[in-house]
Amino acid sequence: MEKPTLPNSTLILVFGILSILTCCCYGVLGLIFGIVALVLAKRAREVYAADPDIYKGYDNVKTGRILAIIGIVLSSLYLIATIVSIAIYGWDGLQEMTRDMEYNF
């Protein structure tokens, strides 16, 4: 008989990857995906700890959790940098800097 996979193990991995990929969207999307992945990973770890012999897919949970932590850190740094830039230059100054960067390429 084949072991069932741990609930949401693939989803945790996908959200962990998405938290890293979307960290440059002003940091907000990366934080959302990372936090959701951590919450789901916590529940999956509790289920696995209750009876580790009947489930497979715990490696996806561990990997997704690590990726979610990395994504949260990167997203937090990007969000802080964005907030500081807005505080220093203002929203109009930030848009002007972005516009100038586009013309230089």
PDB file of N, CA and C in Angstrom:
ATOM      1  N   MET A   1       0.836  -1.175   0.000  1.00  0.00           N
ATOM      2  CA  MET A   1       0.000   0.000   0.000  1.00  0.00           C
ATOM      3  C   MET A   1       0.887   1.246   0.000  1.00  0.00           C
ATOM      4  N   GLU A   2       0.533   2.195  -0.841  1.00  0.00           N
ATOM      5  CA  GLU A   2       1.318   3.421  -0.977  1.00  0.00           C
ATOM      6  C   GLU A   2       0.955   4.426   0.106  1.00  0.00           C
ATOM      7  N   LYS A   3       1.972   5.125   0.594  1.00  0.00           N
ATOM      8  CA  LYS A   3       1.747   6.130   1.632  1.00  0.00           C
ATOM      9  C   LYS A   3       1.109   7.380   1.009  1.00  0.00           C
ATOM     10  N   PRO A   4       0.168   7.988   1.704  1.00  0.00           N
ATOM     11  CA  PRO A   4      -0.393   9.249   1.193  1.00  0.00           C
ATOM     12  C   PRO A   4       0.605  10.394   1.405  1.00  0.00           C
ATOM     13  N   THR A   5       0.515  11.384   0.537  1.00  0.00           N
ATOM     14  CA  THR A   5       1.395  12.540   0.699  1.00  0.00           C
ATOM     15  C   THR A   5       0.865  13.437   1.809  1.00  0.00           C
ATOM     16  N   LEU A   6       1.748  14.151   2.396  1.00  0.00           N
ATOM     17  CA  LEU A   6       1.410  15.076   3.464  1.00  0.00           C
ATOM     18  C   LEU A   6       0.514  16.179   2.895  1.00  0.00           C
ATOM     19  N   PRO A   7      -0.550  16.546   3.612  1.00  0.00           N
ATOM     20  CA  PRO A   7      -1.456  17.572   3.085  1.00  0.00           C
ATOM     21  C   PRO A   7      -0.722  18.884   2.798  1.00  0.00           C
ATOM     22  N   ASN A   8      -0.967  19.434   1.634  1.00  0.00           N
ATOM     23  CA  ASN A   8      -0.430  20.716   1.177  1.00  0.00           C
ATOM     24  C   ASN A   8       1.088  20.749   1.021  1.00  0.00           C
ATOM     25  N   SER A   9       1.748  19.604   0.918  1.00  0.00           N
ATOM     26  CA  SER A   9       3.212  19.619   0.818  1.00  0.00           C
ATOM     27  C   SER A   9       3.676  20.268  -0.488  1.00  0.00           C
ATOM     28  N   THR A  10       2.997  19.986  -1.580  1.00  0.00           N
ATOM     29  CA  THR A  10       3.359  20.603  -2.858  1.00  0.00           C
ATOM     30  C   THR A  10       3.014  22.082  -2.859  1.00  0.00           C
ATOM     31  N   LEU A  11       1.890  22.447  -2.263  1.00  0.00           N
ATOM     32  CA  LEU A  11       1.479  23.846  -2.196  1.00  0.00           C
ATOM     33  C   LEU A  11       2.466  24.669  -1.376  1.00  0.00           C
ATOM     34  N   ILE A  12       2.996  24.099  -0.315  1.00  0.00           N
ATOM     35  CA  ILE A  12       3.990  24.789   0.508  1.00  0.00           C
ATOM     36  C   ILE A  12       5.246  25.055  -0.311  1.00  0.00           C
ATOM     37  N   LEU A  13       5.663  24.082  -1.081  1.00  0.00           N
ATOM     38  CA  LEU A  13       6.836  24.243  -1.932  1.00  0.00           C
ATOM     39  C   LEU A  13       6.608  25.324  -2.987  1.00  0.00           C
ATOM     40  N   VAL A  14       5.449  25.310  -3.611  1.00  0.00           N
ATOM     41  CA  VAL A  14       5.123  26.308  -4.642  1.00  0.00           C
ATOM     42  C   VAL A  14       5.063  27.704  -4.033  1.00  0.00           C
ATOM     43  N   PHE A  15       4.431  27.852  -2.887  1.00  0.00           N
ATOM     44  CA  PHE A  15       4.355  29.164  -2.245  1.00  0.00           C
ATOM     45  C   PHE A  15       5.735  29.638  -1.795  1.00  0.00           C
ATOM     46  N   GLY A  16       6.592  28.733  -1.363  1.00  0.00           N
ATOM     47  CA  GLY A  16       7.960  29.110  -1.000  1.00  0.00           C
ATOM     48  C   GLY A  16       8.726  29.645  -2.197  1.00  0.00           C
ATOM     49  N   ILE A  17       8.561  28.991  -3.333  1.00  0.00           N
ATOM     50  CA  ILE A  17       9.209  29.453  -4.569  1.00  0.00           C
ATOM     51  C   ILE A  17       8.628  30.796  -4.999  1.00  0.00           C
ATOM     52  N   LEU A  18       7.313  30.933  -4.943  1.00  0.00           N
ATOM     53  CA  LEU A  18       6.674  32.188  -5.334  1.00  0.00           C
ATOM     54  C   LEU A  18       7.052  33.341  -4.415  1.00  0.00           C
ATOM     55  N   SER A  19       7.317  33.052  -3.148  1.00  0.00           N
ATOM     56  CA  SER A  19       7.710  34.129  -2.237  1.00  0.00           C
ATOM     57  C   SER A  19       9.061  34.711  -2.634  1.00  0.00           C
ATOM     58  N   ILE A  20       9.945  33.893  -3.172  1.00  0.00           N
ATOM     59  CA  ILE A  20      11.235  34.401  -3.640  1.00  0.00           C
ATOM     60  C   ILE A  20      11.070  35.117  -4.978  1.00  0.00           C
ATOM     61  N   LEU A  21      10.286  34.545  -5.868  1.00  0.00           N
ATOM     62  CA  LEU A  21      10.115  35.139  -7.195  1.00  0.00           C
ATOM     63  C   LEU A  21       9.397  36.484  -7.155  1.00  0.00           C
ATOM     64  N   THR A  22       8.500  36.677  -6.195  1.00  0.00           N
ATOM     65  CA  THR A  22       7.712  37.906  -6.142  1.00  0.00           C
ATOM     66  C   THR A  22       8.204  38.884  -5.088  1.00  0.00           C
ATOM     67  N   CYS A  23       9.404  38.679  -4.585  1.00  0.00           N
ATOM     68  CA  CYS A  23       9.914  39.592  -3.554  1.00  0.00           C
ATOM     69  C   CYS A  23      10.173  40.984  -4.110  1.00  0.00           C
ATOM     70  N   CYS A  24      10.344  41.131  -5.400  1.00  0.00           N
ATOM     71  CA  CYS A  24      10.618  42.442  -5.993  1.00  0.00           C
ATOM     72  C   CYS A  24       9.352  43.197  -6.368  1.00  0.00           C
ATOM     73  N   CYS A  25       8.203  42.687  -6.042  1.00  0.00           N
ATOM     74  CA  CYS A  25       6.933  43.393  -6.285  1.00  0.00           C
ATOM     75  C   CYS A  25       6.632  44.272  -5.078  1.00  0.00           C
ATOM     76  N   TYR A  26       7.542  45.208  -4.804  1.00  0.00           N
ATOM     77  CA  TYR A  26       7.489  46.097  -3.646  1.00  0.00           C
ATOM     78  C   TYR A  26       7.486  45.329  -2.331  1.00  0.00           C
ATOM     79  N   GLY A  27       7.780  44.037  -2.348  1.00  0.00           N
ATOM     80  CA  GLY A  27       7.894  43.243  -1.144  1.00  0.00           C
ATOM     81  C   GLY A  27       6.585  42.689  -0.606  1.00  0.00           C
ATOM     82  N   VAL A  28       5.467  43.155  -1.124  1.00  0.00           N
ATOM     83  CA  VAL A  28       4.180  42.778  -0.542  1.00  0.00           C
ATOM     84  C   VAL A  28       3.779  41.352  -0.927  1.00  0.00           C
ATOM     85  N   LEU A  29       3.848  41.038  -2.201  1.00  0.00           N
ATOM     86  CA  LEU A  29       3.434  39.695  -2.631  1.00  0.00           C
ATOM     87  C   LEU A  29       4.337  38.611  -2.042  1.00  0.00           C
ATOM     88  N   GLY A  30       5.621  38.875  -1.990  1.00  0.00           N
ATOM     89  CA  GLY A  30       6.545  37.907  -1.400  1.00  0.00           C
ATOM     90  C   GLY A  30       6.247  37.639   0.059  1.00  0.00           C
ATOM     91  N   LEU A  31       5.893  38.702   0.790  1.00  0.00           N
ATOM     92  CA  LEU A  31       5.522  38.517   2.200  1.00  0.00           C
ATOM     93  C   LEU A  31       4.258  37.676   2.335  1.00  0.00           C
ATOM     94  N   ILE A  32       3.283  37.936   1.498  1.00  0.00           N
ATOM     95  CA  ILE A  32       2.023  37.191   1.568  1.00  0.00           C
ATOM     96  C   ILE A  32       2.260  35.715   1.298  1.00  0.00           C
ATOM     97  N   PHE A  33       2.959  35.410   0.191  1.00  0.00           N
ATOM     98  CA  PHE A  33       3.220  34.002  -0.137  1.00  0.00           C
ATOM     99  C   PHE A  33       4.077  33.330   0.931  1.00  0.00           C
ATOM    100  N   GLY A  34       5.067  34.038   1.451  1.00  0.00           N
ATOM    101  CA  GLY A  34       5.943  33.461   2.465  1.00  0.00           C
ATOM    102  C   GLY A  34       5.222  33.158   3.765  1.00  0.00           C
ATOM    103  N   ILE A  35       4.389  34.093   4.213  1.00  0.00           N
ATOM    104  CA  ILE A  35       3.655  33.881   5.469  1.00  0.00           C
ATOM    105  C   ILE A  35       2.656  32.735   5.328  1.00  0.00           C
ATOM    106  N   VAL A  36       1.966  32.682   4.202  1.00  0.00           N
ATOM    107  CA  VAL A  36       1.015  31.578   3.981  1.00  0.00           C
ATOM    108  C   VAL A  36       1.758  30.240   3.956  1.00  0.00           C
ATOM    109  N   ALA A  37       2.917  30.205   3.308  1.00  0.00           N
ATOM    110  CA  ALA A  37       3.699  28.965   3.257  1.00  0.00           C
ATOM    111  C   ALA A  37       4.161  28.544   4.648  1.00  0.00           C
ATOM    112  N   LEU A  38       4.555  29.508   5.474  1.00  0.00           N
ATOM    113  CA  LEU A  38       4.988  29.159   6.839  1.00  0.00           C
ATOM    114  C   LEU A  38       3.835  28.632   7.685  1.00  0.00           C
ATOM    115  N   VAL A  39       2.658  29.221   7.553  1.00  0.00           N
ATOM    116  CA  VAL A  39       1.496  28.751   8.311  1.00  0.00           C
ATOM    117  C   VAL A  39       1.126  27.332   7.886  1.00  0.00           C
ATOM    118  N   LEU A  40       1.106  27.103   6.567  1.00  0.00           N
ATOM    119  CA  LEU A  40       0.785  25.758   6.076  1.00  0.00           C
ATOM    120  C   LEU A  40       1.861  24.748   6.485  1.00  0.00           C
ATOM    121  N   ALA A  41       3.120  25.180   6.487  1.00  0.00           N
ATOM    122  CA  ALA A  41       4.210  24.279   6.882  1.00  0.00           C
ATOM    123  C   ALA A  41       4.111  23.913   8.355  1.00  0.00           C
ATOM    124  N   LYS A  42       3.693  24.862   9.183  1.00  0.00           N
ATOM    125  CA  LYS A  42       3.542  24.565  10.605  1.00  0.00           C
ATOM    126  C   LYS A  42       2.474  23.491  10.821  1.00  0.00           C
ATOM    127  N   ARG A  43       1.358  23.642  10.128  1.00  0.00           N
ATOM    128  CA  ARG A  43       0.291  22.634  10.249  1.00  0.00           C
ATOM    129  C   ARG A  43       0.750  21.277   9.728  1.00  0.00           C
ATOM    130  N   ALA A  44       1.461  21.277   8.597  1.00  0.00           N
ATOM    131  CA  ALA A  44       1.932  20.015   8.024  1.00  0.00           C
ATOM    132  C   ALA A  44       2.962  19.348   8.938  1.00  0.00           C
ATOM    133  N   ARG A  45       3.808  20.139   9.586  1.00  0.00           N
ATOM    134  CA  ARG A  45       4.788  19.565  10.514  1.00  0.00           C
ATOM    135  C   ARG A  45       4.102  18.948  11.718  1.00  0.00           C
ATOM    136  N   GLU A  46       3.021  19.563  12.189  1.00  0.00           N
ATOM    137  CA  GLU A  46       2.273  18.996  13.317  1.00  0.00           C
ATOM    138  C   GLU A  46       1.628  17.669  12.934  1.00  0.00           C
ATOM    139  N   VAL A  47       1.060  17.617  11.732  1.00  0.00           N
ATOM    140  CA  VAL A  47       0.442  16.371  11.257  1.00  0.00           C
ATOM    141  C   VAL A  47       1.503  15.285  11.115  1.00  0.00           C
ATOM    142  N   TYR A  48       2.647  15.659  10.552  1.00  0.00           N
ATOM    143  CA  TYR A  48       3.723  14.687  10.360  1.00  0.00           C
ATOM    144  C   TYR A  48       4.295  14.213  11.695  1.00  0.00           C
ATOM    145  N   ALA A  49       4.419  15.113  12.658  1.00  0.00           N
ATOM    146  CA  ALA A  49       4.968  14.743  13.967  1.00  0.00           C
ATOM    147  C   ALA A  49       4.047  13.788  14.716  1.00  0.00           C
ATOM    148  N   ALA A  50       2.752  13.874  14.454  1.00  0.00           N
ATOM    149  CA  ALA A  50       1.805  12.993  15.125  1.00  0.00           C
ATOM    150  C   ALA A  50       2.000  11.536  14.703  1.00  0.00           C
ATOM    151  N   ASP A  51       2.266  11.314  13.423  1.00  0.00           N
ATOM    152  CA  ASP A  51       2.471   9.954  12.935  1.00  0.00           C
ATOM    153  C   ASP A  51       3.332   9.989  11.674  1.00  0.00           C
ATOM    154  N   PRO A  52       4.650  10.001  11.821  1.00  0.00           N
ATOM    155  CA  PRO A  52       5.540  10.166  10.667  1.00  0.00           C
ATOM    156  C   PRO A  52       5.623   8.951   9.745  1.00  0.00           C
ATOM    157  N   ASP A  53       5.163   7.803  10.204  1.00  0.00           N
ATOM    158  CA  ASP A  53       5.295   6.598   9.396  1.00  0.00           C
ATOM    159  C   ASP A  53       4.268   6.487   8.283  1.00  0.00           C
ATOM    160  N   ILE A  54       3.177   7.216   8.368  1.00  0.00           N
ATOM    161  CA  ILE A  54       2.119   7.024   7.368  1.00  0.00           C
ATOM    162  C   ILE A  54       2.159   8.037   6.229  1.00  0.00           C
ATOM    163  N   TYR A  55       2.983   9.079   6.320  1.00  0.00           N
ATOM    164  CA  TYR A  55       3.003  10.120   5.294  1.00  0.00           C
ATOM    165  C   TYR A  55       4.338  10.168   4.567  1.00  0.00           C
ATOM    166  N   LYS A  56       4.288  10.603   3.317  1.00  0.00           N
ATOM    167  CA  LYS A  56       5.495  10.914   2.555  1.00  0.00           C
ATOM    168  C   LYS A  56       5.367  12.369   2.096  1.00  0.00           C
ATOM    169  N   GLY A  57       6.458  12.935   1.616  1.00  0.00           N
ATOM    170  CA  GLY A  57       6.438  14.309   1.135  1.00  0.00           C
ATOM    171  C   GLY A  57       6.897  15.332   2.151  1.00  0.00           C
ATOM    172  N   TYR A  58       7.531  14.877   3.234  1.00  0.00           N
ATOM    173  CA  TYR A  58       8.004  15.821   4.242  1.00  0.00           C
ATOM    174  C   TYR A  58       9.172  16.663   3.721  1.00  0.00           C
ATOM    175  N   ASP A  59       9.902  16.130   2.739  1.00  0.00           N
ATOM    176  CA  ASP A  59      11.001  16.903   2.140  1.00  0.00           C
ATOM    177  C   ASP A  59      10.482  18.158   1.451  1.00  0.00           C
ATOM    178  N   ASN A  60       9.334  18.068   0.804  1.00  0.00           N
ATOM    179  CA  ASN A  60       8.729  19.253   0.183  1.00  0.00           C
ATOM    180  C   ASN A  60       8.385  20.304   1.233  1.00  0.00           C
ATOM    181  N   VAL A  61       7.915  19.870   2.385  1.00  0.00           N
ATOM    182  CA  VAL A  61       7.559  20.794   3.461  1.00  0.00           C
ATOM    183  C   VAL A  61       8.806  21.495   3.980  1.00  0.00           C
ATOM    184  N   LYS A  62       9.878  20.737   4.207  1.00  0.00           N
ATOM    185  CA  LYS A  62      11.118  21.342   4.705  1.00  0.00           C
ATOM    186  C   LYS A  62      11.693  22.336   3.703  1.00  0.00           C
ATOM    187  N   THR A  63      11.737  21.941   2.435  1.00  0.00           N
ATOM    188  CA  THR A  63      12.274  22.821   1.398  1.00  0.00           C
ATOM    189  C   THR A  63      11.410  24.065   1.231  1.00  0.00           C
ATOM    190  N   GLY A  64      10.098  23.890   1.198  1.00  0.00           N
ATOM    191  CA  GLY A  64       9.191  25.024   1.063  1.00  0.00           C
ATOM    192  C   GLY A  64       9.292  25.978   2.235  1.00  0.00           C
ATOM    193  N   ARG A  65       9.486  25.445   3.426  1.00  0.00           N
ATOM    194  CA  ARG A  65       9.628  26.288   4.623  1.00  0.00           C
ATOM    195  C   ARG A  65      10.900  27.122   4.544  1.00  0.00           C
ATOM    196  N   ILE A  66      11.997  26.514   4.127  1.00  0.00           N
ATOM    197  CA  ILE A  66      13.258  27.244   3.991  1.00  0.00           C
ATOM    198  C   ILE A  66      13.139  28.328   2.920  1.00  0.00           C
ATOM    199  N   LEU A  67      12.529  27.985   1.787  1.00  0.00           N
ATOM    200  CA  LEU A  67      12.339  28.976   0.725  1.00  0.00           C
ATOM    201  C   LEU A  67      11.425  30.110   1.171  1.00  0.00           C
ATOM    202  N   ALA A  68      10.418  29.787   1.967  1.00  0.00           N
ATOM    203  CA  ALA A  68       9.510  30.821   2.471  1.00  0.00           C
ATOM    204  C   ALA A  68      10.241  31.777   3.410  1.00  0.00           C
ATOM    205  N   ILE A  69      11.112  31.251   4.246  1.00  0.00           N
ATOM    206  CA  ILE A  69      11.884  32.108   5.149  1.00  0.00           C
ATOM    207  C   ILE A  69      12.799  33.029   4.349  1.00  0.00           C
ATOM    208  N   ILE A  70      13.463  32.485   3.333  1.00  0.00           N
ATOM    209  CA  ILE A  70      14.321  33.302   2.477  1.00  0.00           C
ATOM    210  C   ILE A  70      13.488  34.364   1.764  1.00  0.00           C
ATOM    211  N   GLY A  71      12.320  33.969   1.250  1.00  0.00           N
ATOM    212  CA  GLY A  71      11.448  34.918   0.562  1.00  0.00           C
ATOM    213  C   GLY A  71      10.950  36.022   1.483  1.00  0.00           C
ATOM    214  N   ILE A  72      10.644  35.684   2.726  1.00  0.00           N
ATOM    215  CA  ILE A  72      10.182  36.694   3.689  1.00  0.00           C
ATOM    216  C   ILE A  72      11.300  37.686   3.995  1.00  0.00           C
ATOM    217  N   VAL A  73      12.513  37.184   4.165  1.00  0.00           N
ATOM    218  CA  VAL A  73      13.641  38.076   4.448  1.00  0.00           C
ATOM    219  C   VAL A  73      13.886  39.012   3.265  1.00  0.00           C
ATOM    220  N   LEU A  74      13.940  38.465   2.056  1.00  0.00           N
ATOM    221  CA  LEU A  74      14.163  39.297   0.869  1.00  0.00           C
ATOM    222  C   LEU A  74      13.038  40.305   0.667  1.00  0.00           C
ATOM    223  N   SER A  75      11.809  39.867   0.859  1.00  0.00           N
ATOM    224  CA  SER A  75      10.663  40.760   0.688  1.00  0.00           C
ATOM    225  C   SER A  75      10.665  41.863   1.737  1.00  0.00           C
ATOM    226  N   SER A  76      11.028  41.514   2.958  1.00  0.00           N
ATOM    227  CA  SER A  76      11.093  42.520   4.018  1.00  0.00           C
ATOM    228  C   SER A  76      12.158  43.571   3.714  1.00  0.00           C
ATOM    229  N   LEU A  77      13.310  43.118   3.257  1.00  0.00           N
ATOM    230  CA  LEU A  77      14.372  44.056   2.898  1.00  0.00           C
ATOM    231  C   LEU A  77      13.945  44.969   1.759  1.00  0.00           C
ATOM    232  N   TYR A  78      13.298  44.398   0.756  1.00  0.00           N
ATOM    233  CA  TYR A  78      12.846  45.202  -0.382  1.00  0.00           C
ATOM    234  C   TYR A  78      11.757  46.179   0.043  1.00  0.00           C
ATOM    235  N   LEU A  79      10.855  45.744   0.906  1.00  0.00           N
ATOM    236  CA  LEU A  79       9.792  46.620   1.389  1.00  0.00           C
ATOM    237  C   LEU A  79      10.368  47.765   2.218  1.00  0.00           C
ATOM    238  N   ILE A  80      11.332  47.471   3.066  1.00  0.00           N
ATOM    239  CA  ILE A  80      11.974  48.521   3.866  1.00  0.00           C
ATOM    240  C   ILE A  80      12.699  49.510   2.956  1.00  0.00           C
ATOM    241  N   ALA A  81      13.405  48.992   1.944  1.00  0.00           N
ATOM    242  CA  ALA A  81      14.110  49.875   1.009  1.00  0.00           C
ATOM    243  C   ALA A  81      13.128  50.758   0.244  1.00  0.00           C
ATOM    244  N   THR A  82      11.989  50.221  -0.118  1.00  0.00           N
ATOM    245  CA  THR A  82      10.973  51.005  -0.823  1.00  0.00           C
ATOM    246  C   THR A  82      10.403  52.085   0.085  1.00  0.00           C
ATOM    247  N   ILE A  83      10.118  51.734   1.325  1.00  0.00           N
ATOM    248  CA  ILE A  83       9.568  52.718   2.272  1.00  0.00           C
ATOM    249  C   ILE A  83      10.584  53.832   2.539  1.00  0.00           C
ATOM    250  N   VAL A  84      11.850  53.474   2.700  1.00  0.00           N
ATOM    251  CA  VAL A  84      12.888  54.482   2.920  1.00  0.00           C
ATOM    252  C   VAL A  84      13.034  55.376   1.695  1.00  0.00           C
ATOM    253  N   SER A  85      12.993  54.795   0.505  1.00  0.00           N
ATOM    254  CA  SER A  85      13.095  55.587  -0.721  1.00  0.00           C
ATOM    255  C   SER A  85      11.934  56.558  -0.856  1.00  0.00           C
ATOM    256  N   ILE A  86      10.740  56.104  -0.524  1.00  0.00           N
ATOM    257  CA  ILE A  86       9.578  56.986  -0.586  1.00  0.00           C
ATOM    258  C   ILE A  86       9.691  58.082   0.461  1.00  0.00           C
ATOM    259  N   ALA A  87      10.208  57.737   1.645  1.00  0.00           N
ATOM    260  CA  ALA A  87      10.360  58.743   2.705  1.00  0.00           C
ATOM    261  C   ALA A  87      11.400  59.798   2.325  1.00  0.00           C
ATOM    262  N   ILE A  88      12.453  59.382   1.639  1.00  0.00           N
ATOM    263  CA  ILE A  88      13.513  60.319   1.283  1.00  0.00           C
ATOM    264  C   ILE A  88      13.146  61.141   0.041  1.00  0.00           C
ATOM    265  N   TYR A  89      12.731  60.464  -1.024  1.00  0.00           N
ATOM    266  CA  TYR A  89      12.506  61.133  -2.302  1.00  0.00           C
ATOM    267  C   TYR A  89      11.052  61.484  -2.568  1.00  0.00           C
ATOM    268  N   GLY A  90      10.132  60.889  -1.847  1.00  0.00           N
ATOM    269  CA  GLY A  90       8.715  61.075  -2.126  1.00  0.00           C
ATOM    270  C   GLY A  90       8.286  60.186  -3.277  1.00  0.00           C
ATOM    271  N   TRP A  91       6.992  60.045  -3.446  1.00  0.00           N
ATOM    272  CA  TRP A  91       6.477  59.157  -4.488  1.00  0.00           C
ATOM    273  C   TRP A  91       6.806  59.680  -5.877  1.00  0.00           C
ATOM    274  N   ASP A  92       6.706  60.993  -6.065  1.00  0.00           N
ATOM    275  CA  ASP A  92       7.004  61.586  -7.371  1.00  0.00           C
ATOM    276  C   ASP A  92       8.483  61.448  -7.712  1.00  0.00           C
ATOM    277  N   GLY A  93       9.334  61.665  -6.738  1.00  0.00           N
ATOM    278  CA  GLY A  93      10.767  61.507  -6.969  1.00  0.00           C
ATOM    279  C   GLY A  93      11.134  60.077  -7.306  1.00  0.00           C
ATOM    280  N   LEU A  94      10.483  59.106  -6.681  1.00  0.00           N
ATOM    281  CA  LEU A  94      10.742  57.698  -6.955  1.00  0.00           C
ATOM    282  C   LEU A  94      10.316  57.346  -8.372  1.00  0.00           C
ATOM    283  N   GLN A  95       9.163  57.856  -8.800  1.00  0.00           N
ATOM    284  CA  GLN A  95       8.700  57.601 -10.166  1.00  0.00           C
ATOM    285  C   GLN A  95       9.611  58.270 -11.181  1.00  0.00           C
ATOM    286  N   GLU A  96      10.111  59.449 -10.851  1.00  0.00           N
ATOM    287  CA  GLU A  96      11.018  60.155 -11.745  1.00  0.00           C
ATOM    288  C   GLU A  96      12.327  59.390 -11.892  1.00  0.00           C
ATOM    289  N   MET A  97      12.836  58.842 -10.791  1.00  0.00           N
ATOM    290  CA  MET A  97      14.059  58.049 -10.847  1.00  0.00           C
ATOM    291  C   MET A  97      13.851  56.800 -11.691  1.00  0.00           C
ATOM    292  N   THR A  98      12.697  56.181 -11.570  1.00  0.00           N
ATOM    293  CA  THR A  98      12.393  54.988 -12.357  1.00  0.00           C
ATOM    294  C   THR A  98      12.302  55.340 -13.832  1.00  0.00           C
ATOM    295  N   ARG A  99      11.697  56.457 -14.142  1.00  0.00           N
ATOM    296  CA  ARG A  99      11.555  56.914 -15.528  1.00  0.00           C
ATOM    297  C   ARG A  99      12.923  57.203 -16.112  1.00  0.00           C
ATOM    298  N   ASP A 100      13.815  57.833 -15.346  1.00  0.00           N
ATOM    299  CA  ASP A 100      15.166  58.131 -15.816  1.00  0.00           C
ATOM    300  C   ASP A 100      15.951  56.850 -16.061  1.00  0.00           C
ATOM    301  N   MET A 101      15.757  55.852 -15.234  1.00  0.00           N
ATOM    302  CA  MET A 101      16.449  54.583 -15.403  1.00  0.00           C
ATOM    303  C   MET A 101      15.991  53.882 -16.676  1.00  0.00           C
ATOM    304  N   GLU A 102      14.716  54.010 -17.027  1.00  0.00           N
ATOM    305  CA  GLU A 102      14.208  53.371 -18.236  1.00  0.00           C
ATOM    306  C   GLU A 102      14.828  53.984 -19.492  1.00  0.00           C
ATOM    307  N   TYR A 103      15.039  55.295 -19.479  1.00  0.00           N
ATOM    308  CA  TYR A 103      15.607  55.952 -20.648  1.00  0.00           C
ATOM    309  C   TYR A 103      17.092  55.661 -20.820  1.00  0.00           C
ATOM    310  N   ASN A 104      17.777  55.319 -19.746  1.00  0.00           N
ATOM    311  CA  ASN A 104      19.199  55.033 -19.833  1.00  0.00           C
ATOM    312  C   ASN A 104      19.480  53.676 -20.467  1.00  0.00           C
ATOM    313  N   PHE A 105      18.492  52.796 -20.488  1.00  0.00           N
ATOM    314  CA  PHE A 105      18.709  51.489 -21.092  1.00  0.00           C
ATOM    315  C   PHE A 105      18.401  51.596 -22.544  1.00  0.00           C
TER     316      PHE A 105
END
